Amino acid sequence: MGDITIRLRANRVTGEREVVVSYDSDEDQTSLEHERRHREIVEQLVRDGIITRDQEDAVHYEPAAPRGAVDPLSQDA
């Protein structure tokens, strides 16, 4: 299973909450398996109360940062 990082952020324009999922899938995973995993992640977010069904479109996917890379959002300013 690949690495998953989930971040919540506020949209500065709309004020709405956005969910950003950084997901690095296993190299041997097919595109169908990758998409299925995306759906599973969203379902888990709904089950855990992070988002509601009507917020599913607010989930954004990004490729995960390479291993050892520093996450700029975790750094102190």
PDB file of N, CA and C in Angstrom:
ATOM      1  N   MET A   1       0.849  -1.166   0.000  1.00  0.00           N
ATOM      2  CA  MET A   1       0.000   0.000   0.000  1.00  0.00           C
ATOM      3  C   MET A   1       0.897   1.233   0.000  1.00  0.00           C
ATOM      4  N   GLY A   2       0.503   2.263  -0.729  1.00  0.00           N
ATOM      5  CA  GLY A   2       1.288   3.482  -0.837  1.00  0.00           C
ATOM      6  C   GLY A   2       1.121   4.391   0.368  1.00  0.00           C
ATOM      7  N   ASP A   3       1.892   5.475   0.375  1.00  0.00           N
ATOM      8  CA  ASP A   3       1.823   6.464   1.443  1.00  0.00           C
ATOM      9  C   ASP A   3       0.688   7.440   1.182  1.00  0.00           C
ATOM     10  N   ILE A   4      -0.017   7.828   2.252  1.00  0.00           N
ATOM     11  CA  ILE A   4      -1.129   8.759   2.144  1.00  0.00           C
ATOM     12  C   ILE A   4      -0.925   9.864   3.180  1.00  0.00           C
ATOM     13  N   THR A   5      -1.060  11.115   2.738  1.00  0.00           N
ATOM     14  CA  THR A   5      -1.062  12.263   3.637  1.00  0.00           C
ATOM     15  C   THR A   5      -2.334  13.044   3.370  1.00  0.00           C
ATOM     16  N   ILE A   6      -3.090  13.352   4.424  1.00  0.00           N
ATOM     17  CA  ILE A   6      -4.340  14.084   4.281  1.00  0.00           C
ATOM     18  C   ILE A   6      -4.191  15.407   5.029  1.00  0.00           C
ATOM     19  N   ARG A   7      -4.444  16.516   4.310  1.00  0.00           N
ATOM     20  CA  ARG A   7      -4.355  17.849   4.908  1.00  0.00           C
ATOM     21  C   ARG A   7      -5.690  18.555   4.750  1.00  0.00           C
ATOM     22  N   LEU A   8      -6.068  19.323   5.743  1.00  0.00           N
ATOM     23  CA  LEU A   8      -7.245  20.181   5.657  1.00  0.00           C
ATOM     24  C   LEU A   8      -6.755  21.614   5.523  1.00  0.00           C
ATOM     25  N   ARG A   9      -7.383  22.369   4.628  1.00  0.00           N
ATOM     26  CA  ARG A   9      -7.021  23.780   4.493  1.00  0.00           C
ATOM     27  C   ARG A   9      -8.282  24.575   4.169  1.00  0.00           C
ATOM     28  N   ALA A  10      -8.241  25.839   4.507  1.00  0.00           N
ATOM     29  CA  ALA A  10      -9.364  26.726   4.212  1.00  0.00           C
ATOM     30  C   ALA A  10      -9.091  27.436   2.899  1.00  0.00           C
ATOM     31  N   ASN A  11     -10.090  27.467   2.036  1.00  0.00           N
ATOM     32  CA  ASN A  11      -9.987  28.219   0.792  1.00  0.00           C
ATOM     33  C   ASN A  11     -10.074  29.694   1.159  1.00  0.00           C
ATOM     34  N   ARG A  12      -9.047  30.452   0.851  1.00  0.00           N
ATOM     35  CA  ARG A  12      -8.995  31.868   1.248  1.00  0.00           C
ATOM     36  C   ARG A  12     -10.059  32.710   0.553  1.00  0.00           C
ATOM     37  N   VAL A  13     -10.524  32.282  -0.581  1.00  0.00           N
ATOM     38  CA  VAL A  13     -11.535  33.040  -1.315  1.00  0.00           C
ATOM     39  C   VAL A  13     -12.935  32.724  -0.798  1.00  0.00           C
ATOM     40  N   THR A  14     -13.261  31.436  -0.684  1.00  0.00           N
ATOM     41  CA  THR A  14     -14.617  31.035  -0.300  1.00  0.00           C
ATOM     42  C   THR A  14     -14.774  30.776   1.190  1.00  0.00           C
ATOM     43  N   GLY A  15     -13.666  30.545   1.889  1.00  0.00           N
ATOM     44  CA  GLY A  15     -13.729  30.212   3.301  1.00  0.00           C
ATOM     45  C   GLY A  15     -14.109  28.762   3.556  1.00  0.00           C
ATOM     46  N   GLU A  16     -14.368  28.009   2.507  1.00  0.00           N
ATOM     47  CA  GLU A  16     -14.758  26.607   2.666  1.00  0.00           C
ATOM     48  C   GLU A  16     -13.541  25.741   2.949  1.00  0.00           C
ATOM     49  N   ARG A  17     -13.798  24.619   3.616  1.00  0.00           N
ATOM     50  CA  ARG A  17     -12.740  23.667   3.928  1.00  0.00           C
ATOM     51  C   ARG A  17     -12.453  22.813   2.702  1.00  0.00           C
ATOM     52  N   GLU A  18     -11.172  22.625   2.422  1.00  0.00           N
ATOM     53  CA  GLU A  18     -10.734  21.750   1.342  1.00  0.00           C
ATOM     54  C   GLU A  18      -9.914  20.625   1.945  1.00  0.00           C
ATOM     55  N   VAL A  19     -10.031  19.465   1.367  1.00  0.00           N
ATOM     56  CA  VAL A  19      -9.257  18.312   1.785  1.00  0.00           C
ATOM     57  C   VAL A  19      -8.261  18.006   0.674  1.00  0.00           C
ATOM     58  N   VAL A  20      -7.000  17.936   1.028  1.00  0.00           N
ATOM     59  CA  VAL A  20      -5.954  17.623   0.054  1.00  0.00           C
ATOM     60  C   VAL A  20      -5.367  16.265   0.423  1.00  0.00           C
ATOM     61  N   VAL A  21      -5.427  15.345  -0.517  1.00  0.00           N
ATOM     62  CA  VAL A  21      -4.894  14.007  -0.310  1.00  0.00           C
ATOM     63  C   VAL A  21      -3.659  13.849  -1.188  1.00  0.00           C
ATOM     64  N   SER A  22      -2.519  13.656  -0.548  1.00  0.00           N
ATOM     65  CA  SER A  22      -1.287  13.335  -1.266  1.00  0.00           C
ATOM     66  C   SER A  22      -1.123  11.829  -1.177  1.00  0.00           C
ATOM     67  N   TYR A  23      -1.095  11.200  -2.326  1.00  0.00           N
ATOM     68  CA  TYR A  23      -1.144   9.743  -2.367  1.00  0.00           C
ATOM     69  C   TYR A  23      -0.083   9.226  -3.313  1.00  0.00           C
ATOM     70  N   ASP A  24       0.794   8.415  -2.792  1.00  0.00           N
ATOM     71  CA  ASP A  24       1.850   7.796  -3.577  1.00  0.00           C
ATOM     72  C   ASP A  24       1.550   6.302  -3.631  1.00  0.00           C
ATOM     73  N   SER A  25       1.027   5.851  -4.763  1.00  0.00           N
ATOM     74  CA  SER A  25       0.625   4.451  -4.872  1.00  0.00           C
ATOM     75  C   SER A  25       1.828   3.550  -5.124  1.00  0.00           C
ATOM     76  N   ASP A  26       1.616   2.279  -4.870  1.00  0.00           N
ATOM     77  CA  ASP A  26       2.650   1.298  -5.176  1.00  0.00           C
ATOM     78  C   ASP A  26       2.902   1.304  -6.675  1.00  0.00           C
ATOM     79  N   GLU A  27       4.143   1.080  -7.054  1.00  0.00           N
ATOM     80  CA  GLU A  27       4.512   1.126  -8.467  1.00  0.00           C
ATOM     81  C   GLU A  27       3.812   0.060  -9.296  1.00  0.00           C
ATOM     82  N   ASP A  28       3.473  -1.063  -8.693  1.00  0.00           N
ATOM     83  CA  ASP A  28       2.853  -2.139  -9.457  1.00  0.00           C
ATOM     84  C   ASP A  28       1.326  -2.028  -9.494  1.00  0.00           C
ATOM     85  N   GLN A  29       0.791  -0.929  -8.978  1.00  0.00           N
ATOM     86  CA  GLN A  29      -0.661  -0.745  -8.955  1.00  0.00           C
ATOM     87  C   GLN A  29      -1.149  -0.238 -10.312  1.00  0.00           C
ATOM     88  N   THR A  30      -2.234  -0.843 -10.807  1.00  0.00           N
ATOM     89  CA  THR A  30      -2.801  -0.399 -12.082  1.00  0.00           C
ATOM     90  C   THR A  30      -3.587   0.892 -11.873  1.00  0.00           C
ATOM     91  N   SER A  31      -3.921   1.581 -12.968  1.00  0.00           N
ATOM     92  CA  SER A  31      -4.702   2.815 -12.849  1.00  0.00           C
ATOM     93  C   SER A  31      -6.081   2.533 -12.252  1.00  0.00           C
ATOM     94  N   LEU A  32      -6.659   1.381 -12.563  1.00  0.00           N
ATOM     95  CA  LEU A  32      -7.957   1.014 -11.985  1.00  0.00           C
ATOM     96  C   LEU A  32      -7.837   0.851 -10.463  1.00  0.00           C
ATOM     97  N   GLU A  33      -6.773   0.184 -10.018  1.00  0.00           N
ATOM     98  CA  GLU A  33      -6.554   0.010  -8.583  1.00  0.00           C
ATOM     99  C   GLU A  33      -6.290   1.360  -7.902  1.00  0.00           C
ATOM    100  N   HIS A  34      -5.573   2.249  -8.587  1.00  0.00           N
ATOM    101  CA  HIS A  34      -5.276   3.577  -8.058  1.00  0.00           C
ATOM    102  C   HIS A  34      -6.573   4.371  -7.864  1.00  0.00           C
ATOM    103  N   GLU A  35      -7.442   4.361  -8.863  1.00  0.00           N
ATOM    104  CA  GLU A  35      -8.727   5.063  -8.765  1.00  0.00           C
ATOM    105  C   GLU A  35      -9.607   4.457  -7.681  1.00  0.00           C
ATOM    106  N   ARG A  36      -9.605   3.146  -7.567  1.00  0.00           N
ATOM    107  CA  ARG A  36     -10.369   2.475  -6.516  1.00  0.00           C
ATOM    108  C   ARG A  36      -9.880   2.932  -5.147  1.00  0.00           C
ATOM    109  N   ARG A  37      -8.570   3.061  -4.982  1.00  0.00           N
ATOM    110  CA  ARG A  37      -8.009   3.517  -3.708  1.00  0.00           C
ATOM    111  C   ARG A  37      -8.437   4.952  -3.411  1.00  0.00           C
ATOM    112  N   HIS A  38      -8.494   5.805  -4.442  1.00  0.00           N
ATOM    113  CA  HIS A  38      -8.990   7.174  -4.249  1.00  0.00           C
ATOM    114  C   HIS A  38     -10.401   7.150  -3.674  1.00  0.00           C
ATOM    115  N   ARG A  39     -11.259   6.323  -4.256  1.00  0.00           N
ATOM    116  CA  ARG A  39     -12.645   6.228  -3.769  1.00  0.00           C
ATOM    117  C   ARG A  39     -12.688   5.714  -2.339  1.00  0.00           C
ATOM    118  N   GLU A  40     -11.831   4.750  -2.004  1.00  0.00           N
ATOM    119  CA  GLU A  40     -11.782   4.220  -0.641  1.00  0.00           C
ATOM    120  C   GLU A  40     -11.361   5.298   0.355  1.00  0.00           C
ATOM    121  N   ILE A  41     -10.415   6.151  -0.045  1.00  0.00           N
ATOM    122  CA  ILE A  41      -9.958   7.232   0.825  1.00  0.00           C
ATOM    123  C   ILE A  41     -11.116   8.190   1.102  1.00  0.00           C
ATOM    124  N   VAL A  42     -11.853   8.567   0.063  1.00  0.00           N
ATOM    125  CA  VAL A  42     -12.993   9.472   0.232  1.00  0.00           C
ATOM    126  C   VAL A  42     -14.050   8.834   1.121  1.00  0.00           C
ATOM    127  N   GLU A  43     -14.332   7.550   0.902  1.00  0.00           N
ATOM    128  CA  GLU A  43     -15.318   6.856   1.742  1.00  0.00           C
ATOM    129  C   GLU A  43     -14.891   6.869   3.212  1.00  0.00           C
ATOM    130  N   GLN A  44     -13.612   6.664   3.474  1.00  0.00           N
ATOM    131  CA  GLN A  44     -13.115   6.687   4.848  1.00  0.00           C
ATOM    132  C   GLN A  44     -13.265   8.080   5.455  1.00  0.00           C
ATOM    133  N   LEU A  45     -12.999   9.134   4.670  1.00  0.00           N
ATOM    134  CA  LEU A  45     -13.160  10.499   5.157  1.00  0.00           C
ATOM    135  C   LEU A  45     -14.618  10.784   5.525  1.00  0.00           C
ATOM    136  N   VAL A  46     -15.549  10.248   4.736  1.00  0.00           N
ATOM    137  CA  VAL A  46     -16.974  10.412   5.028  1.00  0.00           C
ATOM    138  C   VAL A  46     -17.334   9.645   6.302  1.00  0.00           C
ATOM    139  N   ARG A  47     -16.903   8.399   6.397  1.00  0.00           N
ATOM    140  CA  ARG A  47     -17.203   7.580   7.582  1.00  0.00           C
ATOM    141  C   ARG A  47     -16.665   8.209   8.864  1.00  0.00           C
ATOM    142  N   ASP A  48     -15.479   8.817   8.770  1.00  0.00           N
ATOM    143  CA  ASP A  48     -14.860   9.417   9.947  1.00  0.00           C
ATOM    144  C   ASP A  48     -15.389  10.818  10.251  1.00  0.00           C
ATOM    145  N   GLY A  49     -16.299  11.322   9.418  1.00  0.00           N
ATOM    146  CA  GLY A  49     -16.890  12.632   9.665  1.00  0.00           C
ATOM    147  C   GLY A  49     -16.009  13.801   9.287  1.00  0.00           C
ATOM    148  N   ILE A  50     -14.931  13.542   8.536  1.00  0.00           N
ATOM    149  CA  ILE A  50     -14.042  14.622   8.089  1.00  0.00           C
ATOM    150  C   ILE A  50     -14.761  15.474   7.040  1.00  0.00           C
ATOM    151  N   ILE A  51     -15.470  14.805   6.146  1.00  0.00           N
ATOM    152  CA  ILE A  51     -16.265  15.488   5.131  1.00  0.00           C
ATOM    153  C   ILE A  51     -17.652  14.841   5.090  1.00  0.00           C
ATOM    154  N   THR A  52     -18.593  15.537   4.448  1.00  0.00           N
ATOM    155  CA  THR A  52     -19.922  14.985   4.225  1.00  0.00           C
ATOM    156  C   THR A  52     -20.021  14.553   2.768  1.00  0.00           C
ATOM    157  N   ARG A  53     -21.070  13.820   2.458  1.00  0.00           N
ATOM    158  CA  ARG A  53     -21.259  13.345   1.073  1.00  0.00           C
ATOM    159  C   ARG A  53     -21.233  14.497   0.076  1.00  0.00           C
ATOM    160  N   ASP A  54     -21.844  15.632   0.437  1.00  0.00           N
ATOM    161  CA  ASP A  54     -21.902  16.738  -0.515  1.00  0.00           C
ATOM    162  C   ASP A  54     -20.567  17.478  -0.646  1.00  0.00           C
ATOM    163  N   GLN A  55     -19.578  17.119   0.164  1.00  0.00           N
ATOM    164  CA  GLN A  55     -18.250  17.724   0.077  1.00  0.00           C
ATOM    165  C   GLN A  55     -17.244  16.849  -0.667  1.00  0.00           C
ATOM    166  N   GLU A  56     -17.691  15.733  -1.198  1.00  0.00           N
ATOM    167  CA  GLU A  56     -16.766  14.813  -1.868  1.00  0.00           C
ATOM    168  C   GLU A  56     -16.005  15.481  -3.001  1.00  0.00           C
ATOM    169  N   ASP A  57     -16.653  16.436  -3.680  1.00  0.00           N
ATOM    170  CA  ASP A  57     -15.979  17.122  -4.781  1.00  0.00           C
ATOM    171  C   ASP A  57     -14.902  18.084  -4.296  1.00  0.00           C
ATOM    172  N   ALA A  58     -14.863  18.360  -2.988  1.00  0.00           N
ATOM    173  CA  ALA A  58     -13.865  19.265  -2.426  1.00  0.00           C
ATOM    174  C   ALA A  58     -12.559  18.549  -2.097  1.00  0.00           C
ATOM    175  N   VAL A  59     -12.485  17.267  -2.413  1.00  0.00           N
ATOM    176  CA  VAL A  59     -11.262  16.512  -2.168  1.00  0.00           C
ATOM    177  C   VAL A  59     -10.348  16.667  -3.386  1.00  0.00           C
ATOM    178  N   HIS A  60      -9.130  17.146  -3.134  1.00  0.00           N
ATOM    179  CA  HIS A  60      -8.149  17.344  -4.195  1.00  0.00           C
ATOM    180  C   HIS A  60      -7.030  16.334  -4.011  1.00  0.00           C
ATOM    181  N   TYR A  61      -6.542  15.801  -5.110  1.00  0.00           N
ATOM    182  CA  TYR A  61      -5.462  14.817  -5.060  1.00  0.00           C
ATOM    183  C   TYR A  61      -4.189  15.431  -5.612  1.00  0.00           C
ATOM    184  N   GLU A  62      -3.088  15.141  -4.945  1.00  0.00           N
ATOM    185  CA  GLU A  62      -1.770  15.571  -5.389  1.00  0.00           C
ATOM    186  C   GLU A  62      -0.835  14.374  -5.277  1.00  0.00           C
ATOM    187  N   PRO A  63       0.167  14.322  -6.120  1.00  0.00           N
ATOM    188  CA  PRO A  63       1.155  13.256  -5.926  1.00  0.00           C
ATOM    189  C   PRO A  63       1.899  13.502  -4.620  1.00  0.00           C
ATOM    190  N   ALA A  64       2.244  12.443  -3.941  1.00  0.00           N
ATOM    191  CA  ALA A  64       2.977  12.568  -2.679  1.00  0.00           C
ATOM    192  C   ALA A  64       4.385  13.062  -2.970  1.00  0.00           C
ATOM    193  N   ALA A  65       4.937  13.800  -2.012  1.00  0.00           N
ATOM    194  CA  ALA A  65       6.309  14.280  -2.145  1.00  0.00           C
ATOM    195  C   ALA A  65       7.257  13.089  -2.094  1.00  0.00           C
ATOM    196  N   PRO A  66       8.367  13.184  -2.805  1.00  0.00           N
ATOM    197  CA  PRO A  66       9.347  12.085  -2.753  1.00  0.00           C
ATOM    198  C   PRO A  66       9.795  11.833  -1.317  1.00  0.00           C
ATOM    199  N   ARG A  67      10.124  10.592  -1.035  1.00  0.00           N
ATOM    200  CA  ARG A  67      10.564  10.234   0.318  1.00  0.00           C
ATOM    201  C   ARG A  67      11.754  11.100   0.718  1.00  0.00           C
ATOM    202  N   GLY A  68      11.700  11.600   1.944  1.00  0.00           N
ATOM    203  CA  GLY A  68      12.780  12.437   2.447  1.00  0.00           C
ATOM    204  C   GLY A  68      12.613  13.916   2.139  1.00  0.00           C
ATOM    205  N   ALA A  69      11.635  14.268   1.307  1.00  0.00           N
ATOM    206  CA  ALA A  69      11.400  15.676   0.988  1.00  0.00           C
ATOM    207  C   ALA A  69      10.727  16.345   2.174  1.00  0.00           C
ATOM    208  N   VAL A  70      10.982  17.635   2.329  1.00  0.00           N
ATOM    209  CA  VAL A  70      10.405  18.383   3.436  1.00  0.00           C
ATOM    210  C   VAL A  70       9.065  18.961   2.996  1.00  0.00           C
ATOM    211  N   ASP A  71       8.030  18.775   3.818  1.00  0.00           N
ATOM    212  CA  ASP A  71       6.702  19.318   3.537  1.00  0.00           C
ATOM    213  C   ASP A  71       6.719  20.793   3.922  1.00  0.00           C
ATOM    214  N   PRO A  72       6.530  21.729   2.967  1.00  0.00           N
ATOM    215  CA  PRO A  72       6.609  23.154   3.289  1.00  0.00           C
ATOM    216  C   PRO A  72       5.515  23.587   4.259  1.00  0.00           C
ATOM    217  N   LEU A  73       4.401  22.885   4.316  1.00  0.00           N
ATOM    218  CA  LEU A  73       3.319  23.263   5.226  1.00  0.00           C
ATOM    219  C   LEU A  73       3.621  22.888   6.674  1.00  0.00           C
ATOM    220  N   SER A  74       4.581  21.992   6.881  1.00  0.00           N
ATOM    221  CA  SER A  74       4.900  21.572   8.246  1.00  0.00           C
ATOM    222  C   SER A  74       6.021  22.413   8.840  1.00  0.00           C
ATOM    223  N   GLN A  75       6.567  23.332   8.079  1.00  0.00           N
ATOM    224  CA  GLN A  75       7.671  24.159   8.537  1.00  0.00           C
ATOM    225  C   GLN A  75       7.155  25.391   9.259  1.00  0.00           C
ATOM    226  N   ASP A  76       7.865  25.806  10.300  1.00  0.00           N
ATOM    227  CA  ASP A  76       7.535  27.042  10.985  1.00  0.00           C
ATOM    228  C   ASP A  76       7.988  28.213  10.144  1.00  0.00           C
ATOM    229  N   ALA A  77       7.202  29.291  10.167  1.00  0.00           N
ATOM    230  CA  ALA A  77       7.554  30.485   9.382  1.00  0.00           C
ATOM    231  C   ALA A  77       8.540  31.337  10.126  1.00  0.00           C
TER     232      ALA A  77
END
